[in-house]
Amino acid sequence: RAGANKESAIRDVAERLGIPIPEVIAFGDDY
């Protein structure tokens, strides 16, 4: 679905857990 991507999920999870996005580190390899 439009907007159902990793970054949207991270924003939602971080907000619900009270963690500022600048305090998240992410690792990846693909598009």
PDB file of all heavy atoms in Angstrom:
ATOM      1  N   ARG A   1       0.845  -1.184   0.000  1.00  0.00           N
ATOM      2  CA  ARG A   1       0.000   0.000   0.000  1.00  0.00           C
ATOM      3  C   ARG A   1       0.886   1.241   0.000  1.00  0.00           C
ATOM      4  O   ARG A   1       1.990   1.238   0.542  1.00  0.00           O
ATOM      5  CB  ARG A   1      -0.889   0.037   1.250  1.00  0.00           C
ATOM      6  CG  ARG A   1      -1.953  -1.034   1.311  1.00  0.00           C
ATOM      7  CD  ARG A   1      -3.118  -0.765   0.391  1.00  0.00           C
ATOM      8  NE  ARG A   1      -3.741   0.516   0.636  1.00  0.00           N
ATOM      9  CZ  ARG A   1      -4.688   1.038  -0.130  1.00  0.00           C
ATOM     10  NH1 ARG A   1      -5.091   0.413  -1.205  1.00  0.00           N
ATOM     11  NH2 ARG A   1      -5.224   2.197   0.170  1.00  0.00           N
ATOM     12  N   ALA A   2       0.412   2.308  -0.617  1.00  0.00           N
ATOM     13  CA  ALA A   2       1.178   3.551  -0.659  1.00  0.00           C
ATOM     14  C   ALA A   2       1.562   3.970   0.760  1.00  0.00           C
ATOM     15  O   ALA A   2       0.715   4.014   1.654  1.00  0.00           O
ATOM     16  CB  ALA A   2       0.365   4.646  -1.329  1.00  0.00           C
ATOM     17  N   GLY A   3       2.821   4.242   0.954  1.00  0.00           N
ATOM     18  CA  GLY A   3       3.308   4.668   2.261  1.00  0.00           C
ATOM     19  C   GLY A   3       3.670   3.537   3.195  1.00  0.00           C
ATOM     20  O   GLY A   3       4.218   3.787   4.269  1.00  0.00           O
ATOM     21  N   ALA A   4       3.389   2.295   2.804  1.00  0.00           N
ATOM     22  CA  ALA A   4       3.737   1.154   3.662  1.00  0.00           C
ATOM     23  C   ALA A   4       5.166   0.729   3.347  1.00  0.00           C
ATOM     24  O   ALA A   4       5.416  -0.256   2.661  1.00  0.00           O
ATOM     25  CB  ALA A   4       2.763   0.002   3.436  1.00  0.00           C
ATOM     26  N   ASN A   5       6.112   1.516   3.827  1.00  0.00           N
ATOM     27  CA  ASN A   5       7.514   1.235   3.580  1.00  0.00           C
ATOM     28  C   ASN A   5       8.280   1.244   4.898  1.00  0.00           C
ATOM     29  O   ASN A   5       7.712   1.524   5.962  1.00  0.00           O
ATOM     30  CB  ASN A   5       8.102   2.251   2.593  1.00  0.00           C
ATOM     31  CG  ASN A   5       7.777   3.678   2.988  1.00  0.00           C
ATOM     32  OD1 ASN A   5       7.870   4.047   4.155  1.00  0.00           O
ATOM     33  ND2 ASN A   5       7.380   4.491   2.022  1.00  0.00           N
ATOM     34  N   LYS A   6       9.538   0.954   4.834  1.00  0.00           N
ATOM     35  CA  LYS A   6      10.326   0.838   6.061  1.00  0.00           C
ATOM     36  C   LYS A   6      10.391   2.151   6.826  1.00  0.00           C
ATOM     37  O   LYS A   6      10.252   2.176   8.058  1.00  0.00           O
ATOM     38  CB  LYS A   6      11.736   0.337   5.733  1.00  0.00           C
ATOM     39  CG  LYS A   6      11.776  -1.100   5.246  1.00  0.00           C
ATOM     40  CD  LYS A   6      13.202  -1.583   5.030  1.00  0.00           C
ATOM     41  CE  LYS A   6      13.237  -3.039   4.606  1.00  0.00           C
ATOM     42  NZ  LYS A   6      14.615  -3.562   4.477  1.00  0.00           N
ATOM     43  N   GLU A   7      10.577   3.253   6.094  1.00  0.00           N
ATOM     44  CA  GLU A   7      10.717   4.531   6.794  1.00  0.00           C
ATOM     45  C   GLU A   7       9.431   4.948   7.496  1.00  0.00           C
ATOM     46  O   GLU A   7       9.467   5.499   8.615  1.00  0.00           O
ATOM     47  CB  GLU A   7      11.216   5.629   5.861  1.00  0.00           C
ATOM     48  CG  GLU A   7      10.440   5.827   4.579  1.00  0.00           C
ATOM     49  CD  GLU A   7      10.951   5.021   3.416  1.00  0.00           C
ATOM     50  OE1 GLU A   7      11.470   3.907   3.622  1.00  0.00           O
ATOM     51  OE2 GLU A   7      10.810   5.495   2.271  1.00  0.00           O
ATOM     52  N   SER A   8       8.275   4.694   6.885  1.00  0.00           N
ATOM     53  CA  SER A   8       6.999   5.028   7.539  1.00  0.00           C
ATOM     54  C   SER A   8       6.799   4.199   8.789  1.00  0.00           C
ATOM     55  O   SER A   8       6.334   4.700   9.820  1.00  0.00           O
ATOM     56  CB  SER A   8       5.835   4.803   6.571  1.00  0.00           C
ATOM     57  OG  SER A   8       5.887   5.720   5.501  1.00  0.00           O
ATOM     58  N   ALA A   9       7.144   2.913   8.704  1.00  0.00           N
ATOM     59  CA  ALA A   9       7.024   2.052   9.873  1.00  0.00           C
ATOM     60  C   ALA A   9       7.951   2.508  10.990  1.00  0.00           C
ATOM     61  O   ALA A   9       7.573   2.516  12.167  1.00  0.00           O
ATOM     62  CB  ALA A   9       7.320   0.606   9.492  1.00  0.00           C
ATOM     63  N   ILE A  10       9.162   2.902  10.630  1.00  0.00           N
ATOM     64  CA  ILE A  10      10.120   3.364  11.642  1.00  0.00           C
ATOM     65  C   ILE A  10       9.601   4.629  12.325  1.00  0.00           C
ATOM     66  O   ILE A  10       9.685   4.770  13.553  1.00  0.00           O
ATOM     67  CB  ILE A  10      11.504   3.612  11.016  1.00  0.00           C
ATOM     68  CG1 ILE A  10      12.126   2.277  10.601  1.00  0.00           C
ATOM     69  CG2 ILE A  10      12.422   4.356  11.985  1.00  0.00           C
ATOM     70  CD1 ILE A  10      13.383   2.409   9.757  1.00  0.00           C
ATOM     71  N   ARG A  11       9.066   5.560  11.540  1.00  0.00           N
ATOM     72  CA  ARG A  11       8.508   6.779  12.135  1.00  0.00           C
ATOM     73  C   ARG A  11       7.418   6.431  13.152  1.00  0.00           C
ATOM     74  O   ARG A  11       7.380   6.983  14.263  1.00  0.00           O
ATOM     75  CB  ARG A  11       7.910   7.680  11.051  1.00  0.00           C
ATOM     76  CG  ARG A  11       8.897   8.454  10.222  1.00  0.00           C
ATOM     77  CD  ARG A  11       8.192   9.533   9.408  1.00  0.00           C
ATOM     78  NE  ARG A  11       9.034  10.059   8.356  1.00  0.00           N
ATOM     79  CZ  ARG A  11       9.028   9.629   7.093  1.00  0.00           C
ATOM     80  NH1 ARG A  11       8.197   8.657   6.733  1.00  0.00           N
ATOM     81  NH2 ARG A  11       9.834  10.160   6.200  1.00  0.00           N
ATOM     82  N   ASP A  12       6.528   5.528  12.758  1.00  0.00           N
ATOM     83  CA  ASP A  12       5.415   5.151  13.626  1.00  0.00           C
ATOM     84  C   ASP A  12       5.913   4.457  14.891  1.00  0.00           C
ATOM     85  O   ASP A  12       5.505   4.795  16.007  1.00  0.00           O
ATOM     86  CB  ASP A  12       4.466   4.224  12.851  1.00  0.00           C
ATOM     87  CG  ASP A  12       3.103   4.100  13.511  1.00  0.00           C
ATOM     88  OD1 ASP A  12       2.865   4.776  14.534  1.00  0.00           O
ATOM     89  OD2 ASP A  12       2.271   3.317  13.009  1.00  0.00           O
ATOM     90  N   VAL A  13       6.814   3.509  14.728  1.00  0.00           N
ATOM     91  CA  VAL A  13       7.346   2.772  15.878  1.00  0.00           C
ATOM     92  C   VAL A  13       8.099   3.710  16.817  1.00  0.00           C
ATOM     93  O   VAL A  13       7.914   3.667  18.040  1.00  0.00           O
ATOM     94  CB  VAL A  13       8.264   1.631  15.402  1.00  0.00           C
ATOM     95  CG1 VAL A  13       9.038   1.035  16.573  1.00  0.00           C
ATOM     96  CG2 VAL A  13       7.444   0.543  14.710  1.00  0.00           C
ATOM     97  N   ALA A  14       8.945   4.559  16.260  1.00  0.00           N
ATOM     98  CA  ALA A  14       9.728   5.476  17.096  1.00  0.00           C
ATOM     99  C   ALA A  14       8.823   6.419  17.884  1.00  0.00           C
ATOM    100  O   ALA A  14       9.051   6.672  19.077  1.00  0.00           O
ATOM    101  CB  ALA A  14      10.699   6.270  16.217  1.00  0.00           C
ATOM    102  N   GLU A  15       7.781   6.924  17.217  1.00  0.00           N
ATOM    103  CA  GLU A  15       6.855   7.820  17.908  1.00  0.00           C
ATOM    104  C   GLU A  15       6.150   7.101  19.048  1.00  0.00           C
ATOM    105  O   GLU A  15       6.024   7.640  20.160  1.00  0.00           O
ATOM    106  CB  GLU A  15       5.831   8.368  16.918  1.00  0.00           C
ATOM    107  CG  GLU A  15       4.826   9.327  17.540  1.00  0.00           C
ATOM    108  CD  GLU A  15       3.835   9.884  16.533  1.00  0.00           C
ATOM    109  OE1 GLU A  15       3.979   9.607  15.326  1.00  0.00           O
ATOM    110  OE2 GLU A  15       2.912  10.590  16.972  1.00  0.00           O
ATOM    111  N   ARG A  16       5.683   5.881  18.783  1.00  0.00           N
ATOM    112  CA  ARG A  16       4.956   5.131  19.807  1.00  0.00           C
ATOM    113  C   ARG A  16       5.849   4.751  20.985  1.00  0.00           C
ATOM    114  O   ARG A  16       5.380   4.630  22.117  1.00  0.00           O
ATOM    115  CB  ARG A  16       4.332   3.873  19.188  1.00  0.00           C
ATOM    116  CG  ARG A  16       3.149   4.169  18.270  1.00  0.00           C
ATOM    117  CD  ARG A  16       2.748   2.929  17.503  1.00  0.00           C
ATOM    118  NE  ARG A  16       1.598   3.185  16.652  1.00  0.00           N
ATOM    119  CZ  ARG A  16       0.341   2.914  16.993  1.00  0.00           C
ATOM    120  NH1 ARG A  16       0.081   2.407  18.191  1.00  0.00           N
ATOM    121  NH2 ARG A  16      -0.638   3.158  16.159  1.00  0.00           N
ATOM    122  N   LEU A  17       7.139   4.560  20.719  1.00  0.00           N
ATOM    123  CA  LEU A  17       8.066   4.180  21.779  1.00  0.00           C
ATOM    124  C   LEU A  17       8.752   5.388  22.414  1.00  0.00           C
ATOM    125  O   LEU A  17       9.543   5.235  23.351  1.00  0.00           O
ATOM    126  CB  LEU A  17       9.126   3.218  21.232  1.00  0.00           C
ATOM    127  CG  LEU A  17       8.596   1.879  20.694  1.00  0.00           C
ATOM    128  CD1 LEU A  17       9.748   1.030  20.181  1.00  0.00           C
ATOM    129  CD2 LEU A  17       7.811   1.124  21.765  1.00  0.00           C
ATOM    130  N   GLY A  18       8.457   6.571  21.900  1.00  0.00           N
ATOM    131  CA  GLY A  18       9.038   7.785  22.468  1.00  0.00           C
ATOM    132  C   GLY A  18      10.516   7.941  22.181  1.00  0.00           C
ATOM    133  O   GLY A  18      11.261   8.503  23.004  1.00  0.00           O
ATOM    134  N   ILE A  19      10.947   7.471  21.021  1.00  0.00           N
ATOM    135  CA  ILE A  19      12.358   7.556  20.646  1.00  0.00           C
ATOM    136  C   ILE A  19      12.508   8.540  19.492  1.00  0.00           C
ATOM    137  O   ILE A  19      11.925   8.336  18.418  1.00  0.00           O
ATOM    138  CB  ILE A  19      12.905   6.180  20.218  1.00  0.00           C
ATOM    139  CG1 ILE A  19      12.825   5.193  21.382  1.00  0.00           C
ATOM    140  CG2 ILE A  19      14.344   6.297  19.709  1.00  0.00           C
ATOM    141  CD1 ILE A  19      13.221   3.775  21.020  1.00  0.00           C
ATOM    142  N   PRO A  20      13.257   9.612  19.656  1.00  0.00           N
ATOM    143  CA  PRO A  20      13.468  10.555  18.553  1.00  0.00           C
ATOM    144  C   PRO A  20      14.179   9.884  17.381  1.00  0.00           C
ATOM    145  O   PRO A  20      15.107   9.084  17.583  1.00  0.00           O
ATOM    146  CB  PRO A  20      14.342  11.649  19.179  1.00  0.00           C
ATOM    147  CG  PRO A  20      14.133  11.515  20.658  1.00  0.00           C
ATOM    148  CD  PRO A  20      13.923  10.050  20.895  1.00  0.00           C
ATOM    149  N   ILE A  21      13.764  10.193  16.174  1.00  0.00           N
ATOM    150  CA  ILE A  21      14.368   9.606  14.972  1.00  0.00           C
ATOM    151  C   ILE A  21      15.886   9.811  14.928  1.00  0.00           C
ATOM    152  O   ILE A  21      16.620   8.906  14.504  1.00  0.00           O
ATOM    153  CB  ILE A  21      13.711  10.178  13.707  1.00  0.00           C
ATOM    154  CG1 ILE A  21      12.283   9.632  13.558  1.00  0.00           C
ATOM    155  CG2 ILE A  21      14.521   9.840  12.456  1.00  0.00           C
ATOM    156  CD1 ILE A  21      12.204   8.138  13.307  1.00  0.00           C
ATOM    157  N   PRO A  22      16.420  10.974  15.372  1.00  0.00           N
ATOM    158  CA  PRO A  22      17.879  11.129  15.354  1.00  0.00           C
ATOM    159  C   PRO A  22      18.609  10.122  16.248  1.00  0.00           C
ATOM    160  O   PRO A  22      19.828   9.956  16.119  1.00  0.00           O
ATOM    161  CB  PRO A  22      18.089  12.565  15.859  1.00  0.00           C
ATOM    162  CG  PRO A  22      16.830  13.267  15.482  1.00  0.00           C
ATOM    163  CD  PRO A  22      15.743  12.258  15.702  1.00  0.00           C
ATOM    164  N   GLU A  23      17.866   9.434  17.136  1.00  0.00           N
ATOM    165  CA  GLU A  23      18.490   8.463  18.039  1.00  0.00           C
ATOM    166  C   GLU A  23      18.304   7.024  17.549  1.00  0.00           C
ATOM    167  O   GLU A  23      18.467   6.071  18.303  1.00  0.00           O
ATOM    168  CB  GLU A  23      17.944   8.644  19.453  1.00  0.00           C
ATOM    169  CG  GLU A  23      18.297  10.011  20.025  1.00  0.00           C
ATOM    170  CD  GLU A  23      17.747  10.256  21.417  1.00  0.00           C
ATOM    171  OE1 GLU A  23      17.158   9.323  22.009  1.00  0.00           O
ATOM    172  OE2 GLU A  23      17.897  11.383  21.919  1.00  0.00           O
ATOM    173  N   VAL A  24      17.969   6.895  16.256  1.00  0.00           N
ATOM    174  CA  VAL A  24      17.810   5.579  15.629  1.00  0.00           C
ATOM    175  C   VAL A  24      18.928   5.383  14.611  1.00  0.00           C
ATOM    176  O   VAL A  24      19.232   6.288  13.827  1.00  0.00           O
ATOM    177  CB  VAL A  24      16.440   5.445  14.921  1.00  0.00           C
ATOM    178  CG1 VAL A  24      16.304   4.069  14.267  1.00  0.00           C
ATOM    179  CG2 VAL A  24      15.294   5.687  15.905  1.00  0.00           C
ATOM    180  N   ILE A  25      19.537   4.204  14.613  1.00  0.00           N
ATOM    181  CA  ILE A  25      20.523   3.841  13.604  1.00  0.00           C
ATOM    182  C   ILE A  25      19.946   2.701  12.777  1.00  0.00           C
ATOM    183  O   ILE A  25      19.307   1.800  13.310  1.00  0.00           O
ATOM    184  CB  ILE A  25      21.873   3.431  14.254  1.00  0.00           C
ATOM    185  CG1 ILE A  25      22.929   3.162  13.165  1.00  0.00           C
ATOM    186  CG2 ILE A  25      21.728   2.229  15.175  1.00  0.00           C
ATOM    187  CD1 ILE A  25      24.341   2.959  13.723  1.00  0.00           C
ATOM    188  N   ALA A  26      20.131   2.762  11.459  1.00  0.00           N
ATOM    189  CA  ALA A  26      19.579   1.738  10.568  1.00  0.00           C
ATOM    190  C   ALA A  26      20.666   1.219   9.632  1.00  0.00           C
ATOM    191  O   ALA A  26      21.536   1.973   9.187  1.00  0.00           O
ATOM    192  CB  ALA A  26      18.423   2.307   9.756  1.00  0.00           C
ATOM    193  N   PHE A  27      20.586  -0.076   9.313  1.00  0.00           N
ATOM    194  CA  PHE A  27      21.553  -0.742   8.451  1.00  0.00           C
ATOM    195  C   PHE A  27      20.835  -1.379   7.266  1.00  0.00           C
ATOM    196  O   PHE A  27      19.780  -1.998   7.439  1.00  0.00           O
ATOM    197  CB  PHE A  27      22.285  -1.850   9.220  1.00  0.00           C
ATOM    198  CG  PHE A  27      23.109  -1.377  10.378  1.00  0.00           C
ATOM    199  CD1 PHE A  27      22.528  -1.142  11.619  1.00  0.00           C
ATOM    200  CD2 PHE A  27      24.477  -1.161  10.238  1.00  0.00           C
ATOM    201  CE1 PHE A  27      23.281  -0.713  12.708  1.00  0.00           C
ATOM    202  CE2 PHE A  27      25.249  -0.737  11.314  1.00  0.00           C
ATOM    203  CZ  PHE A  27      24.654  -0.500  12.549  1.00  0.00           C
ATOM    204  N   GLY A  28      21.406  -1.255   6.064  1.00  0.00           N
ATOM    205  CA  GLY A  28      20.766  -1.852   4.899  1.00  0.00           C
ATOM    206  C   GLY A  28      21.715  -2.055   3.744  1.00  0.00           C
ATOM    207  O   GLY A  28      22.892  -1.666   3.789  1.00  0.00           O
ATOM    208  N   ASP A  29      21.162  -2.664   2.668  1.00  0.00           N
ATOM    209  CA  ASP A  29      21.980  -2.952   1.494  1.00  0.00           C
ATOM    210  C   ASP A  29      21.242  -2.753   0.170  1.00  0.00           C
ATOM    211  O   ASP A  29      21.871  -2.640  -0.874  1.00  0.00           O
ATOM    212  CB  ASP A  29      22.464  -4.406   1.527  1.00  0.00           C
ATOM    213  CG  ASP A  29      21.348  -5.379   1.190  1.00  0.00           C
ATOM    214  OD1 ASP A  29      20.450  -5.584   2.027  1.00  0.00           O
ATOM    215  OD2 ASP A  29      21.340  -5.936   0.076  1.00  0.00           O
ATOM    216  N   ASP A  30      19.886  -2.709   0.192  1.00  0.00           N
ATOM    217  CA  ASP A  30      19.127  -2.763  -1.051  1.00  0.00           C
ATOM    218  C   ASP A  30      18.326  -1.481  -1.264  1.00  0.00           C
ATOM    219  O   ASP A  30      18.219  -0.629  -0.368  1.00  0.00           O
ATOM    220  CB  ASP A  30      18.196  -3.979  -1.029  1.00  0.00           C
ATOM    221  CG  ASP A  30      17.924  -4.540  -2.412  1.00  0.00           C
ATOM    222  OD1 ASP A  30      18.183  -3.837  -3.412  1.00  0.00           O
ATOM    223  OD2 ASP A  30      17.433  -5.686  -2.501  1.00  0.00           O
ATOM    224  N   TYR A  31      17.709  -1.368  -2.454  1.00  0.00           N
ATOM    225  CA  TYR A  31      16.993  -0.150  -2.822  1.00  0.00           C
ATOM    226  C   TYR A  31      15.904   0.214  -1.815  1.00  0.00           C
ATOM    227  O   TYR A  31      15.694   1.383  -1.511  1.00  0.00           O
ATOM    228  CB  TYR A  31      16.368  -0.308  -4.212  1.00  0.00           C
ATOM    229  CG  TYR A  31      17.362  -0.641  -5.296  1.00  0.00           C
ATOM    230  CD1 TYR A  31      17.143  -1.726  -6.146  1.00  0.00           C
ATOM    231  CD2 TYR A  31      18.516   0.107  -5.480  1.00  0.00           C
ATOM    232  CE1 TYR A  31      18.052  -2.046  -7.151  1.00  0.00           C
ATOM    233  CE2 TYR A  31      19.427  -0.203  -6.477  1.00  0.00           C
ATOM    234  CZ  TYR A  31      19.194  -1.284  -7.310  1.00  0.00           C
ATOM    235  OH  TYR A  31      20.086  -1.606  -8.300  1.00  0.00           O
TER     236      TYR A  31
END
